[in-house]
Amino acid sequence: LRLAKEMGAKNYFCVSTDKAANPANMMG
């Protein structure tokens, strides 16, 4: 992300997961 910022990127997208909502495991 910081590399993207240095280049002046309009947007940085990153995939998350449904498991990040109230996570029950280390991956989420």
mmCIF file of all heavy atoms, coordinates in Angstrom:
data_MODEL
# 
_entry.id   MODEL 
# 
loop_
_atom_site.group_PDB 
_atom_site.id 
_atom_site.type_symbol 
_atom_site.label_atom_id 
_atom_site.label_alt_id 
_atom_site.label_comp_id 
_atom_site.label_asym_id 
_atom_site.label_entity_id 
_atom_site.label_seq_id 
_atom_site.pdbx_PDB_ins_code 
_atom_site.Cartn_x 
_atom_site.Cartn_y 
_atom_site.Cartn_z 
_atom_site.occupancy 
_atom_site.B_iso_or_equiv 
_atom_site.pdbx_formal_charge 
_atom_site.auth_seq_id 
_atom_site.auth_comp_id 
_atom_site.auth_asym_id 
_atom_site.auth_atom_id 
_atom_site.pdbx_PDB_model_num 
ATOM 1   N N   . LEU A 1 1  ? 0.831   -1.206  0.000   1.00 0.00 ? 1  LEU A N   1 
ATOM 2   C CA  . LEU A 1 1  ? 0.000   0.000   0.000   1.00 0.00 ? 1  LEU A CA  1 
ATOM 3   C C   . LEU A 1 1  ? 0.864   1.254   0.000   1.00 0.00 ? 1  LEU A C   1 
ATOM 4   O O   . LEU A 1 1  ? 0.583   2.224   -0.725  1.00 0.00 ? 1  LEU A O   1 
ATOM 5   C CB  . LEU A 1 1  ? -0.940  -0.007  1.208   1.00 0.00 ? 1  LEU A CB  1 
ATOM 6   C CG  . LEU A 1 1  ? -1.902  1.178   1.318   1.00 0.00 ? 1  LEU A CG  1 
ATOM 7   C CD1 . LEU A 1 1  ? -3.209  0.754   1.949   1.00 0.00 ? 1  LEU A CD1 1 
ATOM 8   C CD2 . LEU A 1 1  ? -1.309  2.330   2.138   1.00 0.00 ? 1  LEU A CD2 1 
ATOM 9   N N   . ARG A 1 2  ? 1.915   1.262   0.791   1.00 0.00 ? 2  ARG A N   1 
ATOM 10  C CA  . ARG A 1 2  ? 2.778   2.448   0.852   1.00 0.00 ? 2  ARG A CA  1 
ATOM 11  C C   . ARG A 1 2  ? 3.521   2.662   -0.458  1.00 0.00 ? 2  ARG A C   1 
ATOM 12  O O   . ARG A 1 2  ? 3.778   3.810   -0.851  1.00 0.00 ? 2  ARG A O   1 
ATOM 13  C CB  . ARG A 1 2  ? 3.722   2.331   2.047   1.00 0.00 ? 2  ARG A CB  1 
ATOM 14  C CG  . ARG A 1 2  ? 2.964   2.469   3.368   1.00 0.00 ? 2  ARG A CG  1 
ATOM 15  C CD  . ARG A 1 2  ? 3.834   2.292   4.593   1.00 0.00 ? 2  ARG A CD  1 
ATOM 16  N NE  . ARG A 1 2  ? 3.047   2.484   5.805   1.00 0.00 ? 2  ARG A NE  1 
ATOM 17  C CZ  . ARG A 1 2  ? 3.485   2.240   7.040   1.00 0.00 ? 2  ARG A CZ  1 
ATOM 18  N NH1 . ARG A 1 2  ? 4.732   1.804   7.227   1.00 0.00 ? 2  ARG A NH1 1 
ATOM 19  N NH2 . ARG A 1 2  ? 2.692   2.427   8.083   1.00 0.00 ? 2  ARG A NH2 1 
ATOM 20  N N   . LEU A 1 3  ? 3.834   1.573   -1.160  1.00 0.00 ? 3  LEU A N   1 
ATOM 21  C CA  . LEU A 1 3  ? 4.401   1.710   -2.493  1.00 0.00 ? 3  LEU A CA  1 
ATOM 22  C C   . LEU A 1 3  ? 3.393   2.359   -3.441  1.00 0.00 ? 3  LEU A C   1 
ATOM 23  O O   . LEU A 1 3  ? 3.748   3.220   -4.252  1.00 0.00 ? 3  LEU A O   1 
ATOM 24  C CB  . LEU A 1 3  ? 4.804   0.337   -3.040  1.00 0.00 ? 3  LEU A CB  1 
ATOM 25  C CG  . LEU A 1 3  ? 6.221   -0.152  -2.785  1.00 0.00 ? 3  LEU A CG  1 
ATOM 26  C CD1 . LEU A 1 3  ? 6.378   -1.572  -3.324  1.00 0.00 ? 3  LEU A CD1 1 
ATOM 27  C CD2 . LEU A 1 3  ? 7.241   0.769   -3.425  1.00 0.00 ? 3  LEU A CD2 1 
ATOM 28  N N   . ALA A 1 4  ? 2.130   1.917   -3.329  1.00 0.00 ? 4  ALA A N   1 
ATOM 29  C CA  . ALA A 1 4  ? 1.076   2.506   -4.159  1.00 0.00 ? 4  ALA A CA  1 
ATOM 30  C C   . ALA A 1 4  ? 0.942   3.994   -3.879  1.00 0.00 ? 4  ALA A C   1 
ATOM 31  O O   . ALA A 1 4  ? 0.770   4.808   -4.803  1.00 0.00 ? 4  ALA A O   1 
ATOM 32  C CB  . ALA A 1 4  ? -0.250  1.783   -3.901  1.00 0.00 ? 4  ALA A CB  1 
ATOM 33  N N   . LYS A 1 5  ? 1.015   4.354   -2.615  1.00 0.00 ? 5  LYS A N   1 
ATOM 34  C CA  . LYS A 1 5  ? 0.905   5.765   -2.233  1.00 0.00 ? 5  LYS A CA  1 
ATOM 35  C C   . LYS A 1 5  ? 2.056   6.585   -2.813  1.00 0.00 ? 5  LYS A C   1 
ATOM 36  O O   . LYS A 1 5  ? 1.843   7.697   -3.314  1.00 0.00 ? 5  LYS A O   1 
ATOM 37  C CB  . LYS A 1 5  ? 0.876   5.885   -0.711  1.00 0.00 ? 5  LYS A CB  1 
ATOM 38  C CG  . LYS A 1 5  ? 0.763   7.305   -0.195  1.00 0.00 ? 5  LYS A CG  1 
ATOM 39  C CD  . LYS A 1 5  ? 0.484   7.338   1.299   1.00 0.00 ? 5  LYS A CD  1 
ATOM 40  C CE  . LYS A 1 5  ? 1.591   6.690   2.111   1.00 0.00 ? 5  LYS A CE  1 
ATOM 41  N NZ  . LYS A 1 5  ? 1.335   6.793   3.573   1.00 0.00 ? 5  LYS A NZ  1 
ATOM 42  N N   . GLU A 1 6  ? 3.274   6.042   -2.779  1.00 0.00 ? 6  GLU A N   1 
ATOM 43  C CA  . GLU A 1 6  ? 4.428   6.743   -3.343  1.00 0.00 ? 6  GLU A CA  1 
ATOM 44  C C   . GLU A 1 6  ? 4.236   7.020   -4.831  1.00 0.00 ? 6  GLU A C   1 
ATOM 45  O O   . GLU A 1 6  ? 4.704   8.040   -5.347  1.00 0.00 ? 6  GLU A O   1 
ATOM 46  C CB  . GLU A 1 6  ? 5.698   5.908   -3.147  1.00 0.00 ? 6  GLU A CB  1 
ATOM 47  C CG  . GLU A 1 6  ? 6.208   5.856   -1.717  1.00 0.00 ? 6  GLU A CG  1 
ATOM 48  C CD  . GLU A 1 6  ? 7.434   4.959   -1.598  1.00 0.00 ? 6  GLU A CD  1 
ATOM 49  O OE1 . GLU A 1 6  ? 8.098   4.709   -2.646  1.00 0.00 ? 6  GLU A OE1 1 
ATOM 50  O OE2 . GLU A 1 6  ? 7.738   4.504   -0.474  1.00 0.00 ? 6  GLU A OE2 1 
ATOM 51  N N   . MET A 1 7  ? 3.545   6.125   -5.520  1.00 0.00 ? 7  MET A N   1 
ATOM 52  C CA  . MET A 1 7  ? 3.319   6.285   -6.959  1.00 0.00 ? 7  MET A CA  1 
ATOM 53  C C   . MET A 1 7  ? 2.143   7.200   -7.276  1.00 0.00 ? 7  MET A C   1 
ATOM 54  O O   . MET A 1 7  ? 1.868   7.479   -8.439  1.00 0.00 ? 7  MET A O   1 
ATOM 55  C CB  . MET A 1 7  ? 3.054   4.913   -7.605  1.00 0.00 ? 7  MET A CB  1 
ATOM 56  C CG  . MET A 1 7  ? 4.215   3.963   -7.591  1.00 0.00 ? 7  MET A CG  1 
ATOM 57  S SD  . MET A 1 7  ? 3.832   2.442   -8.491  1.00 0.00 ? 7  MET A SD  1 
ATOM 58  C CE  . MET A 1 7  ? 2.524   1.739   -7.477  1.00 0.00 ? 7  MET A CE  1 
ATOM 59  N N   . GLY A 1 8  ? 1.390   7.603   -6.245  1.00 0.00 ? 8  GLY A N   1 
ATOM 60  C CA  . GLY A 1 8  ? 0.224   8.433   -6.480  1.00 0.00 ? 8  GLY A CA  1 
ATOM 61  C C   . GLY A 1 8  ? -0.987  7.672   -6.976  1.00 0.00 ? 8  GLY A C   1 
ATOM 62  O O   . GLY A 1 8  ? -1.806  8.202   -7.738  1.00 0.00 ? 8  GLY A O   1 
ATOM 63  N N   . ALA A 1 9  ? -1.144  6.401   -6.559  1.00 0.00 ? 9  ALA A N   1 
ATOM 64  C CA  . ALA A 1 9  ? -2.273  5.586   -6.998  1.00 0.00 ? 9  ALA A CA  1 
ATOM 65  C C   . ALA A 1 9  ? -3.604  6.205   -6.575  1.00 0.00 ? 9  ALA A C   1 
ATOM 66  O O   . ALA A 1 9  ? -3.729  6.760   -5.484  1.00 0.00 ? 9  ALA A O   1 
ATOM 67  C CB  . ALA A 1 9  ? -2.157  4.176   -6.428  1.00 0.00 ? 9  ALA A CB  1 
ATOM 68  N N   . LYS A 1 10 ? -4.597  6.108   -7.450  1.00 0.00 ? 10 LYS A N   1 
ATOM 69  C CA  . LYS A 1 10 ? -5.924  6.630   -7.134  1.00 0.00 ? 10 LYS A CA  1 
ATOM 70  C C   . LYS A 1 10 ? -6.603  5.782   -6.062  1.00 0.00 ? 10 LYS A C   1 
ATOM 71  O O   . LYS A 1 10 ? -7.340  6.314   -5.225  1.00 0.00 ? 10 LYS A O   1 
ATOM 72  C CB  . LYS A 1 10 ? -6.793  6.664   -8.395  1.00 0.00 ? 10 LYS A CB  1 
ATOM 73  C CG  . LYS A 1 10 ? -6.338  7.661   -9.434  1.00 0.00 ? 10 LYS A CG  1 
ATOM 74  C CD  . LYS A 1 10 ? -7.262  7.647   -10.641 1.00 0.00 ? 10 LYS A CD  1 
ATOM 75  C CE  . LYS A 1 10 ? -6.807  8.649   -11.694 1.00 0.00 ? 10 LYS A CE  1 
ATOM 76  N NZ  . LYS A 1 10 ? -7.677  8.619   -12.896 1.00 0.00 ? 10 LYS A NZ  1 
ATOM 77  N N   . ASN A 1 11 ? -6.374  4.473   -6.109  1.00 0.00 ? 11 ASN A N   1 
ATOM 78  C CA  . ASN A 1 11 ? -6.996  3.600   -5.114  1.00 0.00 ? 11 ASN A CA  1 
ATOM 79  C C   . ASN A 1 11 ? -6.182  2.326   -4.942  1.00 0.00 ? 11 ASN A C   1 
ATOM 80  O O   . ASN A 1 11 ? -5.568  1.826   -5.888  1.00 0.00 ? 11 ASN A O   1 
ATOM 81  C CB  . ASN A 1 11 ? -8.426  3.219   -5.513  1.00 0.00 ? 11 ASN A CB  1 
ATOM 82  C CG  . ASN A 1 11 ? -9.200  2.601   -4.361  1.00 0.00 ? 11 ASN A CG  1 
ATOM 83  O OD1 . ASN A 1 11 ? -9.476  3.269   -3.363  1.00 0.00 ? 11 ASN A OD1 1 
ATOM 84  N ND2 . ASN A 1 11 ? -9.557  1.328   -4.472  1.00 0.00 ? 11 ASN A ND2 1 
ATOM 85  N N   . TYR A 1 12 ? -6.170  1.847   -3.692  1.00 0.00 ? 12 TYR A N   1 
ATOM 86  C CA  . TYR A 1 12 ? -5.552  0.566   -3.350  1.00 0.00 ? 12 TYR A CA  1 
ATOM 87  C C   . TYR A 1 12 ? -6.668  -0.337  -2.848  1.00 0.00 ? 12 TYR A C   1 
ATOM 88  O O   . TYR A 1 12 ? -7.340  -0.029  -1.856  1.00 0.00 ? 12 TYR A O   1 
ATOM 89  C CB  . TYR A 1 12 ? -4.495  0.758   -2.273  1.00 0.00 ? 12 TYR A CB  1 
ATOM 90  C CG  . TYR A 1 12 ? -3.811  -0.525  -1.812  1.00 0.00 ? 12 TYR A CG  1 
ATOM 91  C CD1 . TYR A 1 12 ? -2.606  -0.925  -2.378  1.00 0.00 ? 12 TYR A CD1 1 
ATOM 92  C CD2 . TYR A 1 12 ? -4.356  -1.310  -0.806  1.00 0.00 ? 12 TYR A CD2 1 
ATOM 93  C CE1 . TYR A 1 12 ? -1.962  -2.086  -1.946  1.00 0.00 ? 12 TYR A CE1 1 
ATOM 94  C CE2 . TYR A 1 12 ? -3.737  -2.473  -0.380  1.00 0.00 ? 12 TYR A CE2 1 
ATOM 95  C CZ  . TYR A 1 12 ? -2.537  -2.853  -0.958  1.00 0.00 ? 12 TYR A CZ  1 
ATOM 96  O OH  . TYR A 1 12 ? -1.918  -4.012  -0.531  1.00 0.00 ? 12 TYR A OH  1 
ATOM 97  N N   . PHE A 1 13 ? -6.882  -1.449  -3.550  1.00 0.00 ? 13 PHE A N   1 
ATOM 98  C CA  . PHE A 1 13 ? -7.905  -2.414  -3.153  1.00 0.00 ? 13 PHE A CA  1 
ATOM 99  C C   . PHE A 1 13 ? -7.240  -3.634  -2.537  1.00 0.00 ? 13 PHE A C   1 
ATOM 100 O O   . PHE A 1 13 ? -6.223  -4.125  -3.049  1.00 0.00 ? 13 PHE A O   1 
ATOM 101 C CB  . PHE A 1 13 ? -8.739  -2.859  -4.357  1.00 0.00 ? 13 PHE A CB  1 
ATOM 102 C CG  . PHE A 1 13 ? -9.635  -4.035  -4.040  1.00 0.00 ? 13 PHE A CG  1 
ATOM 103 C CD1 . PHE A 1 13 ? -10.891 -3.834  -3.493  1.00 0.00 ? 13 PHE A CD1 1 
ATOM 104 C CD2 . PHE A 1 13 ? -9.201  -5.340  -4.258  1.00 0.00 ? 13 PHE A CD2 1 
ATOM 105 C CE1 . PHE A 1 13 ? -11.711 -4.921  -3.179  1.00 0.00 ? 13 PHE A CE1 1 
ATOM 106 C CE2 . PHE A 1 13 ? -10.009 -6.425  -3.948  1.00 0.00 ? 13 PHE A CE2 1 
ATOM 107 C CZ  . PHE A 1 13 ? -11.272 -6.213  -3.400  1.00 0.00 ? 13 PHE A CZ  1 
ATOM 108 N N   . CYS A 1 14 ? -7.830  -4.143  -1.464  1.00 0.00 ? 14 CYS A N   1 
ATOM 109 C CA  . CYS A 1 14 ? -7.331  -5.374  -0.851  1.00 0.00 ? 14 CYS A CA  1 
ATOM 110 C C   . CYS A 1 14 ? -8.508  -6.281  -0.503  1.00 0.00 ? 14 CYS A C   1 
ATOM 111 O O   . CYS A 1 14 ? -9.524  -5.817  0.022   1.00 0.00 ? 14 CYS A O   1 
ATOM 112 C CB  . CYS A 1 14 ? -6.526  -5.061  0.406   1.00 0.00 ? 14 CYS A CB  1 
ATOM 113 S SG  . CYS A 1 14 ? -5.554  -6.470  0.985   1.00 0.00 ? 14 CYS A SG  1 
ATOM 114 N N   . VAL A 1 15 ? -8.370  -7.554  -0.819  1.00 0.00 ? 15 VAL A N   1 
ATOM 115 C CA  . VAL A 1 15 ? -9.438  -8.494  -0.537  1.00 0.00 ? 15 VAL A CA  1 
ATOM 116 C C   . VAL A 1 15 ? -9.418  -8.854  0.948   1.00 0.00 ? 15 VAL A C   1 
ATOM 117 O O   . VAL A 1 15 ? -8.365  -9.117  1.527   1.00 0.00 ? 15 VAL A O   1 
ATOM 118 C CB  . VAL A 1 15 ? -9.317  -9.741  -1.424  1.00 0.00 ? 15 VAL A CB  1 
ATOM 119 C CG1 . VAL A 1 15 ? -8.089  -10.562 -1.073  1.00 0.00 ? 15 VAL A CG1 1 
ATOM 120 C CG2 . VAL A 1 15 ? -10.560 -10.600 -1.335  1.00 0.00 ? 15 VAL A CG2 1 
ATOM 121 N N   . SER A 1 16 ? -10.586 -8.847  1.557   1.00 0.00 ? 16 SER A N   1 
ATOM 122 C CA  . SER A 1 16 ? -10.739 -9.299  2.932   1.00 0.00 ? 16 SER A CA  1 
ATOM 123 C C   . SER A 1 16 ? -11.537 -10.602 2.898   1.00 0.00 ? 16 SER A C   1 
ATOM 124 O O   . SER A 1 16 ? -11.427 -11.376 1.945   1.00 0.00 ? 16 SER A O   1 
ATOM 125 C CB  . SER A 1 16 ? -11.417 -8.226  3.789   1.00 0.00 ? 16 SER A CB  1 
ATOM 126 O OG  . SER A 1 16 ? -11.452 -8.619  5.150   1.00 0.00 ? 16 SER A OG  1 
ATOM 127 N N   . THR A 1 17 ? -12.342 -10.861 3.905   1.00 0.00 ? 17 THR A N   1 
ATOM 128 C CA  . THR A 1 17 ? -13.103 -12.105 3.969   1.00 0.00 ? 17 THR A CA  1 
ATOM 129 C C   . THR A 1 17 ? -14.299 -11.926 4.892   1.00 0.00 ? 17 THR A C   1 
ATOM 130 O O   . THR A 1 17 ? -14.262 -11.105 5.819   1.00 0.00 ? 17 THR A O   1 
ATOM 131 C CB  . THR A 1 17 ? -12.224 -13.264 4.485   1.00 0.00 ? 17 THR A CB  1 
ATOM 132 O OG1 . THR A 1 17 ? -13.032 -14.431 4.702   1.00 0.00 ? 17 THR A OG1 1 
ATOM 133 C CG2 . THR A 1 17 ? -11.554 -12.905 5.806   1.00 0.00 ? 17 THR A CG2 1 
ATOM 134 N N   . ASP A 1 18 ? -15.341 -12.702 4.642   1.00 0.00 ? 18 ASP A N   1 
ATOM 135 C CA  . ASP A 1 18 ? -16.470 -12.707 5.569   1.00 0.00 ? 18 ASP A CA  1 
ATOM 136 C C   . ASP A 1 18 ? -16.036 -13.159 6.959   1.00 0.00 ? 18 ASP A C   1 
ATOM 137 O O   . ASP A 1 18 ? -16.655 -12.802 7.969   1.00 0.00 ? 18 ASP A O   1 
ATOM 138 C CB  . ASP A 1 18 ? -17.587 -13.617 5.044   1.00 0.00 ? 18 ASP A CB  1 
ATOM 139 C CG  . ASP A 1 18 ? -17.109 -15.051 4.819   1.00 0.00 ? 18 ASP A CG  1 
ATOM 140 O OD1 . ASP A 1 18 ? -16.139 -15.233 4.068   1.00 0.00 ? 18 ASP A OD1 1 
ATOM 141 O OD2 . ASP A 1 18 ? -17.705 -15.971 5.397   1.00 0.00 ? 18 ASP A OD2 1 
ATOM 142 N N   . LYS A 1 19 ? -14.944 -13.917 7.027   1.00 0.00 ? 19 LYS A N   1 
ATOM 143 C CA  . LYS A 1 19 ? -14.465 -14.421 8.316   1.00 0.00 ? 19 LYS A CA  1 
ATOM 144 C C   . LYS A 1 19 ? -13.845 -13.322 9.179   1.00 0.00 ? 19 LYS A C   1 
ATOM 145 O O   . LYS A 1 19 ? -13.491 -13.569 10.342  1.00 0.00 ? 19 LYS A O   1 
ATOM 146 C CB  . LYS A 1 19 ? -13.475 -15.558 8.086   1.00 0.00 ? 19 LYS A CB  1 
ATOM 147 C CG  . LYS A 1 19 ? -14.111 -16.784 7.435   1.00 0.00 ? 19 LYS A CG  1 
ATOM 148 C CD  . LYS A 1 19 ? -13.094 -17.838 7.074   1.00 0.00 ? 19 LYS A CD  1 
ATOM 149 C CE  . LYS A 1 19 ? -13.765 -19.068 6.470   1.00 0.00 ? 19 LYS A CE  1 
ATOM 150 N NZ  . LYS A 1 19 ? -14.469 -18.776 5.193   1.00 0.00 ? 19 LYS A NZ  1 
ATOM 151 N N   . ALA A 1 20 ? -13.702 -12.098 8.618   1.00 0.00 ? 20 ALA A N   1 
ATOM 152 C CA  . ALA A 1 20 ? -13.209 -10.965 9.405   1.00 0.00 ? 20 ALA A CA  1 
ATOM 153 C C   . ALA A 1 20 ? -14.311 -10.354 10.270  1.00 0.00 ? 20 ALA A C   1 
ATOM 154 O O   . ALA A 1 20 ? -14.019 -9.585  11.186  1.00 0.00 ? 20 ALA A O   1 
ATOM 155 C CB  . ALA A 1 20 ? -12.631 -9.892  8.484   1.00 0.00 ? 20 ALA A CB  1 
ATOM 156 N N   . ALA A 1 21 ? -15.568 -10.687 9.986   1.00 0.00 ? 21 ALA A N   1 
ATOM 157 C CA  . ALA A 1 21 ? -16.687 -10.203 10.794  1.00 0.00 ? 21 ALA A CA  1 
ATOM 158 C C   . ALA A 1 21 ? -16.846 -11.134 11.999  1.00 0.00 ? 21 ALA A C   1 
ATOM 159 O O   . ALA A 1 21 ? -17.152 -12.312 11.841  1.00 0.00 ? 21 ALA A O   1 
ATOM 160 C CB  . ALA A 1 21 ? -17.973 -10.177 9.965   1.00 0.00 ? 21 ALA A CB  1 
ATOM 161 N N   . ASN A 1 22 ? -16.612 -10.596 13.198  1.00 0.00 ? 22 ASN A N   1 
ATOM 162 C CA  . ASN A 1 22 ? -16.634 -11.417 14.416  1.00 0.00 ? 22 ASN A CA  1 
ATOM 163 C C   . ASN A 1 22 ? -15.790 -12.682 14.240  1.00 0.00 ? 22 ASN A C   1 
ATOM 164 O O   . ASN A 1 22 ? -16.300 -13.811 14.295  1.00 0.00 ? 22 ASN A O   1 
ATOM 165 C CB  . ASN A 1 22 ? -18.077 -11.796 14.790  1.00 0.00 ? 22 ASN A CB  1 
ATOM 166 C CG  . ASN A 1 22 ? -18.898 -10.588 15.186  1.00 0.00 ? 22 ASN A CG  1 
ATOM 167 O OD1 . ASN A 1 22 ? -18.431 -9.710  15.914  1.00 0.00 ? 22 ASN A OD1 1 
ATOM 168 N ND2 . ASN A 1 22 ? -20.134 -10.524 14.704  1.00 0.00 ? 22 ASN A ND2 1 
ATOM 169 N N   . PRO A 1 23 ? -14.478 -12.539 14.017  1.00 0.00 ? 23 PRO A N   1 
ATOM 170 C CA  . PRO A 1 23 ? -13.639 -13.693 13.658  1.00 0.00 ? 23 PRO A CA  1 
ATOM 171 C C   . PRO A 1 23 ? -13.583 -14.759 14.750  1.00 0.00 ? 23 PRO A C   1 
ATOM 172 O O   . PRO A 1 23 ? -13.584 -14.455 15.940  1.00 0.00 ? 23 PRO A O   1 
ATOM 173 C CB  . PRO A 1 23 ? -12.260 -13.063 13.435  1.00 0.00 ? 23 PRO A CB  1 
ATOM 174 C CG  . PRO A 1 23 ? -12.281 -11.783 14.216  1.00 0.00 ? 23 PRO A CG  1 
ATOM 175 C CD  . PRO A 1 23 ? -13.695 -11.297 14.130  1.00 0.00 ? 23 PRO A CD  1 
ATOM 176 N N   . ALA A 1 24 ? -13.537 -16.015 14.287  1.00 0.00 ? 24 ALA A N   1 
ATOM 177 C CA  . ALA A 1 24 ? -13.431 -17.154 15.204  1.00 0.00 ? 24 ALA A CA  1 
ATOM 178 C C   . ALA A 1 24 ? -12.154 -17.943 14.966  1.00 0.00 ? 24 ALA A C   1 
ATOM 179 O O   . ALA A 1 24 ? -11.900 -18.922 15.659  1.00 0.00 ? 24 ALA A O   1 
ATOM 180 C CB  . ALA A 1 24 ? -14.644 -18.069 15.047  1.00 0.00 ? 24 ALA A CB  1 
ATOM 181 N N   . ASN A 1 25 ? -11.357 -17.527 13.974  1.00 0.00 ? 25 ASN A N   1 
ATOM 182 C CA  . ASN A 1 25 ? -10.105 -18.216 13.676  1.00 0.00 ? 25 ASN A CA  1 
ATOM 183 C C   . ASN A 1 25 ? -9.016  -17.197 13.377  1.00 0.00 ? 25 ASN A C   1 
ATOM 184 O O   . ASN A 1 25 ? -9.280  -16.017 13.152  1.00 0.00 ? 25 ASN A O   1 
ATOM 185 C CB  . ASN A 1 25 ? -10.290 -19.206 12.515  1.00 0.00 ? 25 ASN A CB  1 
ATOM 186 C CG  . ASN A 1 25 ? -10.883 -18.536 11.285  1.00 0.00 ? 25 ASN A CG  1 
ATOM 187 O OD1 . ASN A 1 25 ? -10.272 -17.659 10.680  1.00 0.00 ? 25 ASN A OD1 1 
ATOM 188 N ND2 . ASN A 1 25 ? -12.095 -18.948 10.916  1.00 0.00 ? 25 ASN A ND2 1 
ATOM 189 N N   . MET A 1 26 ? -7.782  -17.663 13.358  1.00 0.00 ? 26 MET A N   1 
ATOM 190 C CA  . MET A 1 26 ? -6.643  -16.762 13.201  1.00 0.00 ? 26 MET A CA  1 
ATOM 191 C C   . MET A 1 26 ? -6.585  -16.148 11.812  1.00 0.00 ? 26 MET A C   1 
ATOM 192 O O   . MET A 1 26 ? -6.122  -15.022 11.637  1.00 0.00 ? 26 MET A O   1 
ATOM 193 C CB  . MET A 1 26 ? -5.344  -17.511 13.499  1.00 0.00 ? 26 MET A CB  1 
ATOM 194 C CG  . MET A 1 26 ? -5.278  -18.117 14.896  1.00 0.00 ? 26 MET A CG  1 
ATOM 195 S SD  . MET A 1 26 ? -5.269  -16.877 16.201  1.00 0.00 ? 26 MET A SD  1 
ATOM 196 C CE  . MET A 1 26 ? -3.547  -16.378 16.194  1.00 0.00 ? 26 MET A CE  1 
ATOM 197 N N   . MET A 1 27 ? -7.038  -16.880 10.802  1.00 0.00 ? 27 MET A N   1 
ATOM 198 C CA  . MET A 1 27 ? -7.046  -16.313 9.456   1.00 0.00 ? 27 MET A CA  1 
ATOM 199 C C   . MET A 1 27 ? -8.015  -15.142 9.373   1.00 0.00 ? 27 MET A C   1 
ATOM 200 O O   . MET A 1 27 ? -7.669  -14.056 8.897   1.00 0.00 ? 27 MET A O   1 
ATOM 201 C CB  . MET A 1 27 ? -7.421  -17.389 8.426   1.00 0.00 ? 27 MET A CB  1 
ATOM 202 C CG  . MET A 1 27 ? -7.246  -16.939 6.969   1.00 0.00 ? 27 MET A CG  1 
ATOM 203 S SD  . MET A 1 27 ? -8.569  -15.871 6.332   1.00 0.00 ? 27 MET A SD  1 
ATOM 204 C CE  . MET A 1 27 ? -9.918  -17.063 6.203   1.00 0.00 ? 27 MET A CE  1 
ATOM 205 N N   . GLY A 1 28 ? -9.263  -15.343 9.833   1.00 0.00 ? 28 GLY A N   1 
ATOM 206 C CA  . GLY A 1 28 ? -10.231 -14.261 9.822   1.00 0.00 ? 28 GLY A CA  1 
ATOM 207 C C   . GLY A 1 28 ? -9.778  -13.076 10.651  1.00 0.00 ? 28 GLY A C   1 
ATOM 208 O O   . GLY A 1 28 ? -9.946  -11.914 10.261  1.00 0.00 ? 28 GLY A O   1 
# 
